[in-house]
């Protein structure tokens, strides 16, 4: 499977949409990170079009996901009082 993932990664990298960064490929699940803020409808349309293109040109079973973004405020609350 690692060879398949490496081959898929090489095929995917040149097709990445603007303002995105490759994070990881696990099986057929591709995770991207947004490099700049983008309105939700625009981002959704871009990601769906990218997934369609990947399925046409690379592998029909690929799925595209965005890296989950943690809630910074919640993290701050959890860290209060923690001494490093």
C-alpha atoms as a PDB file:
ATOM      1  CA  UNK A   1       0.000   0.000   0.000  1.00  0.00           C
ATOM      2  CA  UNK A   2       2.819   2.533   0.685  1.00  0.00           C
ATOM      3  CA  UNK A   3       3.911   2.290  -2.966  1.00  0.00           C
ATOM      4  CA  UNK A   4       0.365   2.994  -4.114  1.00  0.00           C
ATOM      5  CA  UNK A   5       0.141   6.011  -1.784  1.00  0.00           C
ATOM      6  CA  UNK A   6       3.482   7.343  -3.030  1.00  0.00           C
ATOM      7  CA  UNK A   7       2.367   7.008  -6.663  1.00  0.00           C
ATOM      8  CA  UNK A   8      -0.972   8.679  -5.900  1.00  0.00           C
ATOM      9  CA  UNK A   9       0.787  11.510  -4.066  1.00  0.00           C
ATOM     10  CA  UNK A  10       3.027  12.185  -7.072  1.00  0.00           C
ATOM     11  CA  UNK A  11      -0.020  12.303  -9.358  1.00  0.00           C
ATOM     12  CA  UNK A  12      -1.976  14.576  -6.992  1.00  0.00           C
ATOM     13  CA  UNK A  13       0.604  17.249  -6.114  1.00  0.00           C
ATOM     14  CA  UNK A  14       0.634  18.999  -9.520  1.00  0.00           C
ATOM     15  CA  UNK A  15      -3.187  19.212  -9.462  1.00  0.00           C
ATOM     16  CA  UNK A  16      -3.546  20.964  -6.086  1.00  0.00           C
ATOM     17  CA  UNK A  17      -5.818  24.016  -6.174  1.00  0.00           C
ATOM     18  CA  UNK A  18      -4.385  27.451  -5.317  1.00  0.00           C
ATOM     19  CA  UNK A  19      -4.243  28.408  -1.633  1.00  0.00           C
ATOM     20  CA  UNK A  20      -4.076  24.768  -0.523  1.00  0.00           C
ATOM     21  CA  UNK A  21      -1.323  22.619   0.861  1.00  0.00           C
ATOM     22  CA  UNK A  22      -1.046  18.836   0.833  1.00  0.00           C
ATOM     23  CA  UNK A  23      -1.146  17.440   4.386  1.00  0.00           C
ATOM     24  CA  UNK A  24      -1.396  13.667   4.012  1.00  0.00           C
ATOM     25  CA  UNK A  25      -2.754  10.781   2.030  1.00  0.00           C
ATOM     26  CA  UNK A  26      -4.080   7.839   4.032  1.00  0.00           C
ATOM     27  CA  UNK A  27      -5.377   5.101   1.808  1.00  0.00           C
ATOM     28  CA  UNK A  28      -7.568   7.014  -0.612  1.00  0.00           C
ATOM     29  CA  UNK A  29      -8.323   9.870   1.804  1.00  0.00           C
ATOM     30  CA  UNK A  30      -6.516  13.090   0.838  1.00  0.00           C
ATOM     31  CA  UNK A  31      -6.253  15.826   3.468  1.00  0.00           C
ATOM     32  CA  UNK A  32      -5.569  19.436   2.507  1.00  0.00           C
ATOM     33  CA  UNK A  33      -4.903  22.618   4.480  1.00  0.00           C
ATOM     34  CA  UNK A  34      -6.149  26.041   3.407  1.00  0.00           C
ATOM     35  CA  UNK A  35      -3.308  28.580   3.250  1.00  0.00           C
ATOM     36  CA  UNK A  36      -5.561  31.642   3.102  1.00  0.00           C
ATOM     37  CA  UNK A  37      -9.128  32.264   4.274  1.00  0.00           C
ATOM     38  CA  UNK A  38     -11.813  31.712   1.655  1.00  0.00           C
ATOM     39  CA  UNK A  39     -15.600  32.116   1.871  1.00  0.00           C
ATOM     40  CA  UNK A  40     -17.295  28.809   2.653  1.00  0.00           C
ATOM     41  CA  UNK A  41     -19.329  28.520  -0.591  1.00  0.00           C
ATOM     42  CA  UNK A  42     -16.249  29.265  -2.709  1.00  0.00           C
ATOM     43  CA  UNK A  43     -14.124  26.812  -0.730  1.00  0.00           C
ATOM     44  CA  UNK A  44     -16.760  24.080  -1.002  1.00  0.00           C
ATOM     45  CA  UNK A  45     -17.108  24.529  -4.756  1.00  0.00           C
ATOM     46  CA  UNK A  46     -13.328  24.497  -5.229  1.00  0.00           C
ATOM     47  CA  UNK A  47     -12.893  21.317  -3.180  1.00  0.00           C
ATOM     48  CA  UNK A  48     -15.727  19.497  -4.966  1.00  0.00           C
ATOM     49  CA  UNK A  49     -14.302  20.419  -8.361  1.00  0.00           C
ATOM     50  CA  UNK A  50     -10.845  19.283  -7.228  1.00  0.00           C
ATOM     51  CA  UNK A  51     -12.241  15.950  -6.016  1.00  0.00           C
ATOM     52  CA  UNK A  52     -14.091  15.440  -9.320  1.00  0.00           C
ATOM     53  CA  UNK A  53     -10.888  16.166 -11.247  1.00  0.00           C
ATOM     54  CA  UNK A  54      -8.880  13.753  -9.097  1.00  0.00           C
ATOM     55  CA  UNK A  55     -11.466  11.031  -9.607  1.00  0.00           C
ATOM     56  CA  UNK A  56     -11.410  11.585 -13.381  1.00  0.00           C
ATOM     57  CA  UNK A  57      -7.645  11.826 -13.799  1.00  0.00           C
ATOM     58  CA  UNK A  58      -6.095   9.842 -10.937  1.00  0.00           C
ATOM     59  CA  UNK A  59      -8.362   7.410  -9.031  1.00  0.00           C
ATOM     60  CA  UNK A  60     -12.150   7.147  -8.813  1.00  0.00           C
ATOM     61  CA  UNK A  61     -12.044   6.279  -5.106  1.00  0.00           C
ATOM     62  CA  UNK A  62     -10.175   9.360  -3.866  1.00  0.00           C
ATOM     63  CA  UNK A  63     -11.876  11.570  -1.294  1.00  0.00           C
ATOM     64  CA  UNK A  64     -10.805  15.111  -0.367  1.00  0.00           C
ATOM     65  CA  UNK A  65     -11.000  16.481   3.173  1.00  0.00           C
ATOM     66  CA  UNK A  66      -9.837  19.670   4.855  1.00  0.00           C
ATOM     67  CA  UNK A  67      -7.589  19.437   7.875  1.00  0.00           C
ATOM     68  CA  UNK A  68      -9.723  20.008  10.972  1.00  0.00           C
ATOM     69  CA  UNK A  69      -9.088  23.382  12.529  1.00  0.00           C
ATOM     70  CA  UNK A  70      -9.158  23.476  16.312  1.00  0.00           C
ATOM     71  CA  UNK A  71     -11.058  26.106  18.221  1.00  0.00           C
ATOM     72  CA  UNK A  72      -8.263  28.396  19.450  1.00  0.00           C
ATOM     73  CA  UNK A  73     -10.414  29.942  22.176  1.00  0.00           C
ATOM     74  CA  UNK A  74     -11.206  26.514  23.640  1.00  0.00           C
ATOM     75  CA  UNK A  75      -7.516  25.664  23.611  1.00  0.00           C
ATOM     76  CA  UNK A  76      -6.717  28.892  25.481  1.00  0.00           C
ATOM     77  CA  UNK A  77      -9.308  28.090  28.144  1.00  0.00           C
ATOM     78  CA  UNK A  78      -7.867  24.607  28.597  1.00  0.00           C
ATOM     79  CA  UNK A  79      -4.326  25.969  28.944  1.00  0.00           C
ATOM     80  CA  UNK A  80      -5.145  28.592  31.593  1.00  0.00           C
ATOM     81  CA  UNK A  81      -3.376  27.796  34.776  1.00  0.00           C
ATOM     82  CA  UNK A  82      -0.996  25.355  33.146  1.00  0.00           C
ATOM     83  CA  UNK A  83       2.583  26.097  34.087  1.00  0.00           C
ATOM     84  CA  UNK A  84       5.314  25.072  31.717  1.00  0.00           C
END
